[in-house]
Amino acid sequence: MDSSAIAQIIPLVLIVAVFWLLIVRPARKKQQAMSRLRASVGVGDTVLLGSGLYGDITAVSDDGFRVEIAPGVVVRVHRDAVVSVEEQRSGTEQPGDGSASQPDAEG
């Protein structure tokens, strides 16, 4: 290759690198974060669905959840419908976690 061919390829390589850094990499990180979030959802969590509904997870299956959106109203949703976890179930706290935030009785 001569120097003119290399000079023509360098801008193309730079454009691809910038595209990957600014678009592909952040999108992949966001997708992985959403996958971790959806994998961590369990019974008792309050979630926001893509439709804008809030509900409590009542059951978990391989491809989705059963979500109670009102007292006695349970719907089945796909795992990808969960946009965010608004409130984690209370059973995830470790024993003694709240002791540091409580004031001492002696003081």
PDB file of N, CA and C in Angstrom:
ATOM      1  N   MET A   1       0.841  -1.188   0.000  1.00  0.00           N
ATOM      2  CA  MET A   1       0.000   0.000   0.000  1.00  0.00           C
ATOM      3  C   MET A   1       0.877   1.239   0.000  1.00  0.00           C
ATOM      4  N   ASP A   2       0.433   2.199  -0.715  1.00  0.00           N
ATOM      5  CA  ASP A   2       1.164   3.462  -0.701  1.00  0.00           C
ATOM      6  C   ASP A   2       0.529   4.407   0.318  1.00  0.00           C
ATOM      7  N   SER A   3       1.156   5.525   0.532  1.00  0.00           N
ATOM      8  CA  SER A   3       0.718   6.442   1.581  1.00  0.00           C
ATOM      9  C   SER A   3      -0.644   7.068   1.282  1.00  0.00           C
ATOM     10  N   SER A   4      -1.023   7.222   0.038  1.00  0.00           N
ATOM     11  CA  SER A   4      -2.330   7.810  -0.277  1.00  0.00           C
ATOM     12  C   SER A   4      -3.470   6.846   0.083  1.00  0.00           C
ATOM     13  N   ALA A   5      -3.249   5.550  -0.078  1.00  0.00           N
ATOM     14  CA  ALA A   5      -4.278   4.572   0.290  1.00  0.00           C
ATOM     15  C   ALA A   5      -4.463   4.543   1.805  1.00  0.00           C
ATOM     16  N   ILE A   6      -3.362   4.623   2.526  1.00  0.00           N
ATOM     17  CA  ILE A   6      -3.445   4.643   3.992  1.00  0.00           C
ATOM     18  C   ILE A   6      -4.126   5.927   4.458  1.00  0.00           C
ATOM     19  N   ALA A   7      -3.840   7.038   3.820  1.00  0.00           N
ATOM     20  CA  ALA A   7      -4.455   8.310   4.178  1.00  0.00           C
ATOM     21  C   ALA A   7      -5.957   8.291   3.934  1.00  0.00           C
ATOM     22  N   GLN A   8      -6.436   7.492   2.996  1.00  0.00           N
ATOM     23  CA  GLN A   8      -7.870   7.384   2.733  1.00  0.00           C
ATOM     24  C   GLN A   8      -8.559   6.457   3.743  1.00  0.00           C
ATOM     25  N   ILE A   9      -7.848   5.484   4.243  1.00  0.00           N
ATOM     26  CA  ILE A   9      -8.432   4.515   5.174  1.00  0.00           C
ATOM     27  C   ILE A   9      -8.506   5.067   6.596  1.00  0.00           C
ATOM     28  N   ILE A  10      -7.550   5.889   6.997  1.00  0.00           N
ATOM     29  CA  ILE A  10      -7.491   6.405   8.369  1.00  0.00           C
ATOM     30  C   ILE A  10      -8.769   7.152   8.766  1.00  0.00           C
ATOM     31  N   PRO A  11      -9.316   8.053   7.960  1.00  0.00           N
ATOM     32  CA  PRO A  11     -10.557   8.723   8.382  1.00  0.00           C
ATOM     33  C   PRO A  11     -11.728   7.743   8.561  1.00  0.00           C
ATOM     34  N   LEU A  12     -11.804   6.727   7.721  1.00  0.00           N
ATOM     35  CA  LEU A  12     -12.860   5.741   7.847  1.00  0.00           C
ATOM     36  C   LEU A  12     -12.731   4.964   9.161  1.00  0.00           C
ATOM     37  N   VAL A  13     -11.518   4.583   9.496  1.00  0.00           N
ATOM     38  CA  VAL A  13     -11.276   3.870  10.752  1.00  0.00           C
ATOM     39  C   VAL A  13     -11.623   4.763  11.943  1.00  0.00           C
ATOM     40  N   LEU A  14     -11.278   6.028  11.883  1.00  0.00           N
ATOM     41  CA  LEU A  14     -11.594   6.959  12.964  1.00  0.00           C
ATOM     42  C   LEU A  14     -13.105   7.138  13.115  1.00  0.00           C
ATOM     43  N   ILE A  15     -13.826   7.220  12.008  1.00  0.00           N
ATOM     44  CA  ILE A  15     -15.284   7.362  12.072  1.00  0.00           C
ATOM     45  C   ILE A  15     -15.908   6.140  12.724  1.00  0.00           C
ATOM     46  N   VAL A  16     -15.455   4.947  12.351  1.00  0.00           N
ATOM     47  CA  VAL A  16     -15.974   3.717  12.944  1.00  0.00           C
ATOM     48  C   VAL A  16     -15.666   3.679  14.441  1.00  0.00           C
ATOM     49  N   ALA A  17     -14.465   4.070  14.834  1.00  0.00           N
ATOM     50  CA  ALA A  17     -14.088   4.060  16.251  1.00  0.00           C
ATOM     51  C   ALA A  17     -14.940   5.039  17.061  1.00  0.00           C
ATOM     52  N   VAL A  18     -15.162   6.228  16.553  1.00  0.00           N
ATOM     53  CA  VAL A  18     -15.983   7.221  17.242  1.00  0.00           C
ATOM     54  C   VAL A  18     -17.425   6.736  17.334  1.00  0.00           C
ATOM     55  N   PHE A  19     -17.945   6.163  16.263  1.00  0.00           N
ATOM     56  CA  PHE A  19     -19.298   5.614  16.263  1.00  0.00           C
ATOM     57  C   PHE A  19     -19.437   4.549  17.343  1.00  0.00           C
ATOM     58  N   TRP A  20     -18.467   3.669  17.437  1.00  0.00           N
ATOM     59  CA  TRP A  20     -18.514   2.603  18.443  1.00  0.00           C
ATOM     60  C   TRP A  20     -18.465   3.186  19.850  1.00  0.00           C
ATOM     61  N   LEU A  21     -17.587   4.161  20.077  1.00  0.00           N
ATOM     62  CA  LEU A  21     -17.439   4.748  21.410  1.00  0.00           C
ATOM     63  C   LEU A  21     -18.662   5.554  21.843  1.00  0.00           C
ATOM     64  N   LEU A  22     -19.289   6.255  20.910  1.00  0.00           N
ATOM     65  CA  LEU A  22     -20.385   7.145  21.276  1.00  0.00           C
ATOM     66  C   LEU A  22     -21.767   6.513  21.186  1.00  0.00           C
ATOM     67  N   ILE A  23     -21.932   5.453  20.398  1.00  0.00           N
ATOM     68  CA  ILE A  23     -23.262   4.898  20.203  1.00  0.00           C
ATOM     69  C   ILE A  23     -23.359   3.440  20.629  1.00  0.00           C
ATOM     70  N   VAL A  24     -22.525   2.577  20.113  1.00  0.00           N
ATOM     71  CA  VAL A  24     -22.655   1.144  20.346  1.00  0.00           C
ATOM     72  C   VAL A  24     -22.323   0.786  21.789  1.00  0.00           C
ATOM     73  N   ARG A  25     -21.227   1.271  22.307  1.00  0.00           N
ATOM     74  CA  ARG A  25     -20.794   0.909  23.662  1.00  0.00           C
ATOM     75  C   ARG A  25     -21.790   1.351  24.741  1.00  0.00           C
ATOM     76  N   PRO A  26     -22.259   2.610  24.741  1.00  0.00           N
ATOM     77  CA  PRO A  26     -23.250   3.002  25.756  1.00  0.00           C
ATOM     78  C   PRO A  26     -24.570   2.229  25.626  1.00  0.00           C
ATOM     79  N   ALA A  27     -24.988   1.950  24.407  1.00  0.00           N
ATOM     80  CA  ALA A  27     -26.233   1.193  24.223  1.00  0.00           C
ATOM     81  C   ALA A  27     -26.082  -0.223  24.769  1.00  0.00           C
ATOM     82  N   ARG A  28     -24.939  -0.827  24.565  1.00  0.00           N
ATOM     83  CA  ARG A  28     -24.693  -2.174  25.080  1.00  0.00           C
ATOM     84  C   ARG A  28     -24.676  -2.173  26.607  1.00  0.00           C
ATOM     85  N   LYS A  29     -24.059  -1.158  27.220  1.00  0.00           N
ATOM     86  CA  LYS A  29     -24.028  -1.058  28.685  1.00  0.00           C
ATOM     87  C   LYS A  29     -25.433  -0.888  29.246  1.00  0.00           C
ATOM     88  N   LYS A  30     -26.250  -0.067  28.594  1.00  0.00           N
ATOM     89  CA  LYS A  30     -27.609   0.147  29.052  1.00  0.00           C
ATOM     90  C   LYS A  30     -28.427  -1.132  28.939  1.00  0.00           C
ATOM     91  N   GLN A  31     -28.240  -1.876  27.855  1.00  0.00           N
ATOM     92  CA  GLN A  31     -28.954  -3.130  27.658  1.00  0.00           C
ATOM     93  C   GLN A  31     -28.545  -4.156  28.722  1.00  0.00           C
ATOM     94  N   GLN A  32     -27.264  -4.228  29.043  1.00  0.00           N
ATOM     95  CA  GLN A  32     -26.804  -5.151  30.072  1.00  0.00           C
ATOM     96  C   GLN A  32     -27.348  -4.767  31.441  1.00  0.00           C
ATOM     97  N   ALA A  33     -27.415  -3.467  31.725  1.00  0.00           N
ATOM     98  CA  ALA A  33     -27.963  -3.007  33.004  1.00  0.00           C
ATOM     99  C   ALA A  33     -29.442  -3.373  33.120  1.00  0.00           C
ATOM    100  N   MET A  34     -30.202  -3.222  32.037  1.00  0.00           N
ATOM    101  CA  MET A  34     -31.618  -3.590  32.052  1.00  0.00           C
ATOM    102  C   MET A  34     -31.780  -5.092  32.235  1.00  0.00           C
ATOM    103  N   SER A  35     -30.912  -5.881  31.628  1.00  0.00           N
ATOM    104  CA  SER A  35     -30.980  -7.332  31.796  1.00  0.00           C
ATOM    105  C   SER A  35     -30.728  -7.724  33.247  1.00  0.00           C
ATOM    106  N   ARG A  36     -29.736  -7.081  33.878  1.00  0.00           N
ATOM    107  CA  ARG A  36     -29.461  -7.362  35.290  1.00  0.00           C
ATOM    108  C   ARG A  36     -30.642  -6.951  36.160  1.00  0.00           C
ATOM    109  N   LEU A  37     -31.252  -5.799  35.863  1.00  0.00           N
ATOM    110  CA  LEU A  37     -32.402  -5.327  36.623  1.00  0.00           C
ATOM    111  C   LEU A  37     -33.553  -6.315  36.514  1.00  0.00           C
ATOM    112  N   ARG A  38     -33.859  -6.753  35.308  1.00  0.00           N
ATOM    113  CA  ARG A  38     -34.979  -7.681  35.103  1.00  0.00           C
ATOM    114  C   ARG A  38     -34.702  -9.044  35.721  1.00  0.00           C
ATOM    115  N   ALA A  39     -33.441  -9.442  35.777  1.00  0.00           N
ATOM    116  CA  ALA A  39     -33.095 -10.722  36.399  1.00  0.00           C
ATOM    117  C   ALA A  39     -33.198 -10.647  37.921  1.00  0.00           C
ATOM    118  N   SER A  40     -33.058  -9.459  38.490  1.00  0.00           N
ATOM    119  CA  SER A  40     -33.075  -9.314  39.942  1.00  0.00           C
ATOM    120  C   SER A  40     -34.477  -9.125  40.513  1.00  0.00           C
ATOM    121  N   VAL A  41     -35.473  -8.933  39.649  1.00  0.00           N
ATOM    122  CA  VAL A  41     -36.833  -8.704  40.120  1.00  0.00           C
ATOM    123  C   VAL A  41     -37.389  -9.980  40.741  1.00  0.00           C
ATOM    124  N   GLY A  42     -38.043  -9.824  41.888  1.00  0.00           N
ATOM    125  CA  GLY A  42     -38.614 -10.976  42.577  1.00  0.00           C
ATOM    126  C   GLY A  42     -39.973 -10.667  43.164  1.00  0.00           C
ATOM    127  N   VAL A  43     -40.576 -11.679  43.723  1.00  0.00           N
ATOM    128  CA  VAL A  43     -41.899 -11.546  44.326  1.00  0.00           C
ATOM    129  C   VAL A  43     -41.844 -10.498  45.438  1.00  0.00           C
ATOM    130  N   GLY A  44     -42.802  -9.585  45.411  1.00  0.00           N
ATOM    131  CA  GLY A  44     -42.874  -8.532  46.417  1.00  0.00           C
ATOM    132  C   GLY A  44     -42.325  -7.199  45.956  1.00  0.00           C
ATOM    133  N   ASP A  45     -41.605  -7.168  44.837  1.00  0.00           N
ATOM    134  CA  ASP A  45     -41.065  -5.916  44.327  1.00  0.00           C
ATOM    135  C   ASP A  45     -42.170  -5.083  43.688  1.00  0.00           C
ATOM    136  N   THR A  46     -42.067  -3.773  43.821  1.00  0.00           N
ATOM    137  CA  THR A  46     -42.955  -2.857  43.120  1.00  0.00           C
ATOM    138  C   THR A  46     -42.215  -2.392  41.880  1.00  0.00           C
ATOM    139  N   VAL A  47     -42.847  -2.560  40.711  1.00  0.00           N
ATOM    140  CA  VAL A  47     -42.191  -2.264  39.447  1.00  0.00           C
ATOM    141  C   VAL A  47     -43.007  -1.279  38.627  1.00  0.00           C
ATOM    142  N   LEU A  48     -42.320  -0.598  37.712  1.00  0.00           N
ATOM    143  CA  LEU A  48     -42.952   0.250  36.720  1.00  0.00           C
ATOM    144  C   LEU A  48     -42.885  -0.487  35.402  1.00  0.00           C
ATOM    145  N   LEU A  49     -44.028  -0.661  34.752  1.00  0.00           N
ATOM    146  CA  LEU A  49     -44.073  -1.344  33.472  1.00  0.00           C
ATOM    147  C   LEU A  49     -43.954  -0.332  32.344  1.00  0.00           C
ATOM    148  N   GLY A  50     -43.610  -0.797  31.165  1.00  0.00           N
ATOM    149  CA  GLY A  50     -43.458   0.066  30.002  1.00  0.00           C
ATOM    150  C   GLY A  50     -44.734   0.804  29.639  1.00  0.00           C
ATOM    151  N   SER A  51     -45.864   0.288  30.023  1.00  0.00           N
ATOM    152  CA  SER A  51     -47.152   0.922  29.741  1.00  0.00           C
ATOM    153  C   SER A  51     -47.461   2.074  30.699  1.00  0.00           C
ATOM    154  N   GLY A  52     -46.639   2.229  31.733  1.00  0.00           N
ATOM    155  CA  GLY A  52     -46.849   3.288  32.705  1.00  0.00           C
ATOM    156  C   GLY A  52     -47.569   2.822  33.953  1.00  0.00           C
ATOM    157  N   LEU A  53     -47.893   1.544  34.037  1.00  0.00           N
ATOM    158  CA  LEU A  53     -48.572   1.006  35.210  1.00  0.00           C
ATOM    159  C   LEU A  53     -47.562   0.607  36.281  1.00  0.00           C
ATOM    160  N   TYR A  54     -47.934   0.863  37.527  1.00  0.00           N
ATOM    161  CA  TYR A  54     -47.158   0.392  38.660  1.00  0.00           C
ATOM    162  C   TYR A  54     -47.852  -0.841  39.216  1.00  0.00           C
ATOM    163  N   GLY A  55     -47.068  -1.792  39.703  1.00  0.00           N
ATOM    164  CA  GLY A  55     -47.674  -2.977  40.287  1.00  0.00           C
ATOM    165  C   GLY A  55     -46.682  -3.746  41.132  1.00  0.00           C
ATOM    166  N   ASP A  56     -47.214  -4.713  41.862  1.00  0.00           N
ATOM    167  CA  ASP A  56     -46.405  -5.567  42.727  1.00  0.00           C
ATOM    168  C   ASP A  56     -46.284  -6.943  42.089  1.00  0.00           C
ATOM    169  N   ILE A  57     -45.071  -7.472  42.060  1.00  0.00           N
ATOM    170  CA  ILE A  57     -44.834  -8.803  41.507  1.00  0.00           C
ATOM    171  C   ILE A  57     -45.423  -9.832  42.473  1.00  0.00           C
ATOM    172  N   THR A  58     -46.285 -10.717  41.947  1.00  0.00           N
ATOM    173  CA  THR A  58     -46.870 -11.763  42.782  1.00  0.00           C
ATOM    174  C   THR A  58     -46.322 -13.139  42.436  1.00  0.00           C
ATOM    175  N   ALA A  59     -45.797 -13.305  41.215  1.00  0.00           N
ATOM    176  CA  ALA A  59     -45.227 -14.589  40.803  1.00  0.00           C
ATOM    177  C   ALA A  59     -44.224 -14.346  39.688  1.00  0.00           C
ATOM    178  N   VAL A  60     -43.214 -15.212  39.618  1.00  0.00           N
ATOM    179  CA  VAL A  60     -42.168 -15.105  38.603  1.00  0.00           C
ATOM    180  C   VAL A  60     -42.134 -16.406  37.810  1.00  0.00           C
ATOM    181  N   SER A  61     -42.072 -16.283  36.473  1.00  0.00           N
ATOM    182  CA  SER A  61     -41.901 -17.459  35.620  1.00  0.00           C
ATOM    183  C   SER A  61     -40.700 -17.221  34.712  1.00  0.00           C
ATOM    184  N   ASP A  62     -40.403 -18.183  33.847  1.00  0.00           N
ATOM    185  CA  ASP A  62     -39.231 -18.063  32.976  1.00  0.00           C
ATOM    186  C   ASP A  62     -39.295 -16.841  32.060  1.00  0.00           C
ATOM    187  N   ASP A  63     -40.450 -16.589  31.470  1.00  0.00           N
ATOM    188  CA  ASP A  63     -40.539 -15.515  30.484  1.00  0.00           C
ATOM    189  C   ASP A  63     -41.274 -14.275  30.971  1.00  0.00           C
ATOM    190  N   GLY A  64     -41.785 -14.287  32.180  1.00  0.00           N
ATOM    191  CA  GLY A  64     -42.516 -13.118  32.625  1.00  0.00           C
ATOM    192  C   GLY A  64     -42.873 -13.129  34.093  1.00  0.00           C
ATOM    193  N   PHE A  65     -43.830 -12.265  34.418  1.00  0.00           N
ATOM    194  CA  PHE A  65     -44.249 -12.073  35.794  1.00  0.00           C
ATOM    195  C   PHE A  65     -45.767 -11.997  35.863  1.00  0.00           C
ATOM    196  N   ARG A  66     -46.280 -12.218  37.045  1.00  0.00           N
ATOM    197  CA  ARG A  66     -47.671 -11.894  37.356  1.00  0.00           C
ATOM    198  C   ARG A  66     -47.595 -10.658  38.244  1.00  0.00           C
ATOM    199  N   VAL A  67     -48.285  -9.605  37.802  1.00  0.00           N
ATOM    200  CA  VAL A  67     -48.200  -8.316  38.480  1.00  0.00           C
ATOM    201  C   VAL A  67     -49.593  -7.910  38.939  1.00  0.00           C
ATOM    202  N   GLU A  68     -49.703  -7.575  40.225  1.00  0.00           N
ATOM    203  CA  GLU A  68     -50.967  -7.072  40.762  1.00  0.00           C
ATOM    204  C   GLU A  68     -50.957  -5.556  40.611  1.00  0.00           C
ATOM    205  N   ILE A  69     -51.836  -5.051  39.734  1.00  0.00           N
ATOM    206  CA  ILE A  69     -51.866  -3.614  39.457  1.00  0.00           C
ATOM    207  C   ILE A  69     -52.931  -2.898  40.274  1.00  0.00           C
ATOM    208  N   ALA A  70     -53.856  -3.656  40.842  1.00  0.00           N
ATOM    209  CA  ALA A  70     -54.883  -3.132  41.749  1.00  0.00           C
ATOM    210  C   ALA A  70     -55.297  -4.303  42.641  1.00  0.00           C
ATOM    211  N   PRO A  71     -55.911  -4.030  43.769  1.00  0.00           N
ATOM    212  CA  PRO A  71     -56.324  -5.141  44.633  1.00  0.00           C
ATOM    213  C   PRO A  71     -57.216  -6.126  43.870  1.00  0.00           C
ATOM    214  N   GLY A  72     -56.747  -7.356  43.758  1.00  0.00           N
ATOM    215  CA  GLY A  72     -57.498  -8.398  43.075  1.00  0.00           C
ATOM    216  C   GLY A  72     -57.340  -8.431  41.572  1.00  0.00           C
ATOM    217  N   VAL A  73     -56.564  -7.501  40.996  1.00  0.00           N
ATOM    218  CA  VAL A  73     -56.361  -7.456  39.544  1.00  0.00           C
ATOM    219  C   VAL A  73     -54.911  -7.855  39.257  1.00  0.00           C
ATOM    220  N   VAL A  74     -54.735  -9.071  38.752  1.00  0.00           N
ATOM    221  CA  VAL A  74     -53.404  -9.594  38.464  1.00  0.00           C
ATOM    222  C   VAL A  74     -53.288  -9.804  36.966  1.00  0.00           C
ATOM    223  N   VAL A  75     -52.240  -9.250  36.370  1.00  0.00           N
ATOM    224  CA  VAL A  75     -52.000  -9.414  34.938  1.00  0.00           C
ATOM    225  C   VAL A  75     -50.686 -10.143  34.734  1.00  0.00           C
ATOM    226  N   ARG A  76     -50.596 -10.827  33.599  1.00  0.00           N
ATOM    227  CA  ARG A  76     -49.359 -11.517  33.235  1.00  0.00           C
ATOM    228  C   ARG A  76     -48.622 -10.634  32.241  1.00  0.00           C
ATOM    229  N   VAL A  77     -47.363 -10.327  32.513  1.00  0.00           N
ATOM    230  CA  VAL A  77     -46.571  -9.468  31.634  1.00  0.00           C
ATOM    231  C   VAL A  77     -45.264 -10.165  31.272  1.00  0.00           C
ATOM    232  N   HIS A  78     -44.734  -9.800  30.122  1.00  0.00           N
ATOM    233  CA  HIS A  78     -43.442 -10.321  29.684  1.00  0.00           C
ATOM    234  C   HIS A  78     -42.344  -9.666  30.504  1.00  0.00           C
ATOM    235  N   ARG A  79     -41.248 -10.360  30.666  1.00  0.00           N
ATOM    236  CA  ARG A  79     -40.112  -9.864  31.449  1.00  0.00           C
ATOM    237  C   ARG A  79     -39.610  -8.510  30.918  1.00  0.00           C
ATOM    238  N   ASP A  80     -39.660  -8.321  29.603  1.00  0.00           N
ATOM    239  CA  ASP A  80     -39.174  -7.075  29.011  1.00  0.00           C
ATOM    240  C   ASP A  80     -40.086  -5.877  29.282  1.00  0.00           C
ATOM    241  N   ALA A  81     -41.281  -6.103  29.826  1.00  0.00           N
ATOM    242  CA  ALA A  81     -42.197  -5.004  30.117  1.00  0.00           C
ATOM    243  C   ALA A  81     -41.757  -4.200  31.331  1.00  0.00           C
ATOM    244  N   VAL A  82     -40.900  -4.766  32.169  1.00  0.00           N
ATOM    245  CA  VAL A  82     -40.438  -4.069  33.369  1.00  0.00           C
ATOM    246  C   VAL A  82     -39.404  -3.024  32.971  1.00  0.00           C
ATOM    247  N   VAL A  83     -39.687  -1.772  33.329  1.00  0.00           N
ATOM    248  CA  VAL A  83     -38.797  -0.664  33.000  1.00  0.00           C
ATOM    249  C   VAL A  83     -37.897  -0.320  34.175  1.00  0.00           C
ATOM    250  N   SER A  84     -38.463  -0.352  35.379  1.00  0.00           N
ATOM    251  CA  SER A  84     -37.657  -0.061  36.560  1.00  0.00           C
ATOM    252  C   SER A  84     -38.276  -0.718  37.788  1.00  0.00           C
ATOM    253  N   VAL A  85     -37.454  -0.884  38.796  1.00  0.00           N
ATOM    254  CA  VAL A  85     -37.912  -1.402  40.084  1.00  0.00           C
ATOM    255  C   VAL A  85     -38.030  -0.196  41.000  1.00  0.00           C
ATOM    256  N   GLU A  86     -39.251   0.074  41.431  1.00  0.00           N
ATOM    257  CA  GLU A  86     -39.502   1.245  42.266  1.00  0.00           C
ATOM    258  C   GLU A  86     -39.206   0.974  43.730  1.00  0.00           C
ATOM    259  N   GLU A  87     -39.492  -0.251  44.179  1.00  0.00           N
ATOM    260  CA  GLU A  87     -39.296  -0.582  45.585  1.00  0.00           C
ATOM    261  C   GLU A  87     -38.925  -2.054  45.682  1.00  0.00           C
ATOM    262  N   GLN A  88     -37.760  -2.329  46.271  1.00  0.00           N
ATOM    263  CA  GLN A  88     -37.315  -3.711  46.444  1.00  0.00           C
ATOM    264  C   GLN A  88     -38.107  -4.352  47.568  1.00  0.00           C
ATOM    265  N   ARG A  89     -38.267  -5.648  47.476  1.00  0.00           N
ATOM    266  CA  ARG A  89     -38.964  -6.392  48.540  1.00  0.00           C
ATOM    267  C   ARG A  89     -38.195  -6.245  49.844  1.00  0.00           C
ATOM    268  N   SER A  90     -38.905  -6.251  50.918  1.00  0.00           N
ATOM    269  CA  SER A  90     -38.279  -6.018  52.224  1.00  0.00           C
ATOM    270  C   SER A  90     -37.435  -7.198  52.669  1.00  0.00           C
ATOM    271  N   GLY A  91     -37.605  -8.363  52.079  1.00  0.00           N
ATOM    272  CA  GLY A  91     -36.847  -9.537  52.472  1.00  0.00           C
ATOM    273  C   GLY A  91     -35.404  -9.530  52.024  1.00  0.00           C
ATOM    274  N   THR A  92     -34.987  -8.526  51.233  1.00  0.00           N
ATOM    275  CA  THR A  92     -33.617  -8.487  50.736  1.00  0.00           C
ATOM    276  C   THR A  92     -32.656  -7.817  51.705  1.00  0.00           C
ATOM    277  N   GLU A  93     -33.180  -7.168  52.756  1.00  0.00           N
ATOM    278  CA  GLU A  93     -32.302  -6.514  53.716  1.00  0.00           C
ATOM    279  C   GLU A  93     -31.609  -7.549  54.587  1.00  0.00           C
ATOM    280  N   GLN A  94     -30.366  -7.301  54.880  1.00  0.00           N
ATOM    281  CA  GLN A  94     -29.598  -8.185  55.745  1.00  0.00           C
ATOM    282  C   GLN A  94     -29.907  -7.858  57.196  1.00  0.00           C
ATOM    283  N   PRO A  95     -29.911  -8.848  58.074  1.00  0.00           N
ATOM    284  CA  PRO A  95     -30.138  -8.574  59.493  1.00  0.00           C
ATOM    285  C   PRO A  95     -29.076  -7.622  60.028  1.00  0.00           C
ATOM    286  N   GLY A  96     -29.519  -6.601  60.733  1.00  0.00           N
ATOM    287  CA  GLY A  96     -28.586  -5.654  61.317  1.00  0.00           C
ATOM    288  C   GLY A  96     -28.254  -4.481  60.418  1.00  0.00           C
ATOM    289  N   ASP A  97     -28.771  -4.448  59.188  1.00  0.00           N
ATOM    290  CA  ASP A  97     -28.476  -3.336  58.288  1.00  0.00           C
ATOM    291  C   ASP A  97     -29.005  -2.012  58.820  1.00  0.00           C
ATOM    292  N   GLY A  98     -30.172  -2.011  59.451  1.00  0.00           N
ATOM    293  CA  GLY A  98     -30.778  -0.773  59.913  1.00  0.00           C
ATOM    294  C   GLY A  98     -30.223  -0.281  61.223  1.00  0.00           C
ATOM    295  N   SER A  99     -29.375  -1.043  61.887  1.00  0.00           N
ATOM    296  CA  SER A  99     -28.896  -0.656  63.214  1.00  0.00           C
ATOM    297  C   SER A  99     -27.998   0.567  63.167  1.00  0.00           C
ATOM    298  N   ALA A 100     -27.267   0.772  62.104  1.00  0.00           N
ATOM    299  CA  ALA A 100     -26.358   1.913  62.023  1.00  0.00           C
ATOM    300  C   ALA A 100     -27.116   3.221  61.877  1.00  0.00           C
ATOM    301  N   SER A 101     -28.319   3.171  61.310  1.00  0.00           N
ATOM    302  CA  SER A 101     -29.069   4.404  61.101  1.00  0.00           C
ATOM    303  C   SER A 101     -29.934   4.769  62.304  1.00  0.00           C
ATOM    304  N   GLN A 102     -30.074   3.865  63.283  1.00  0.00           N
ATOM    305  CA  GLN A 102     -30.882   4.141  64.456  1.00  0.00           C
ATOM    306  C   GLN A 102     -30.031   4.782  65.533  1.00  0.00           C
ATOM    307  N   PRO A 103     -30.564   5.805  66.194  1.00  0.00           N
ATOM    308  CA  PRO A 103     -29.763   6.455  67.245  1.00  0.00           C
ATOM    309  C   PRO A 103     -29.597   5.538  68.446  1.00  0.00           C
ATOM    310  N   ASP A 104     -28.512   5.732  69.155  1.00  0.00           N
ATOM    311  CA  ASP A 104     -28.250   4.945  70.351  1.00  0.00           C
ATOM    312  C   ASP A 104     -29.210   5.346  71.464  1.00  0.00           C
ATOM    313  N   ALA A 105     -29.583   4.395  72.295  1.00  0.00           N
ATOM    314  CA  ALA A 105     -30.489   4.656  73.419  1.00  0.00           C
ATOM    315  C   ALA A 105     -29.755   5.351  74.566  1.00  0.00           C
ATOM    316  N   GLU A 106     -28.408   5.274  74.568  1.00  0.00           N
ATOM    317  CA  GLU A 106     -27.639   5.812  75.682  1.00  0.00           C
ATOM    318  C   GLU A 106     -27.498   7.322  75.605  1.00  0.00           C
ATOM    319  N   GLY A 107     -27.493   7.901  74.404  1.00  0.00           N
ATOM    320  CA  GLY A 107     -27.145   9.298  74.255  1.00  0.00           C
ATOM    321  C   GLY A 107     -28.212  10.233  74.507  1.00  0.00           C
TER     322      GLY A 107
END
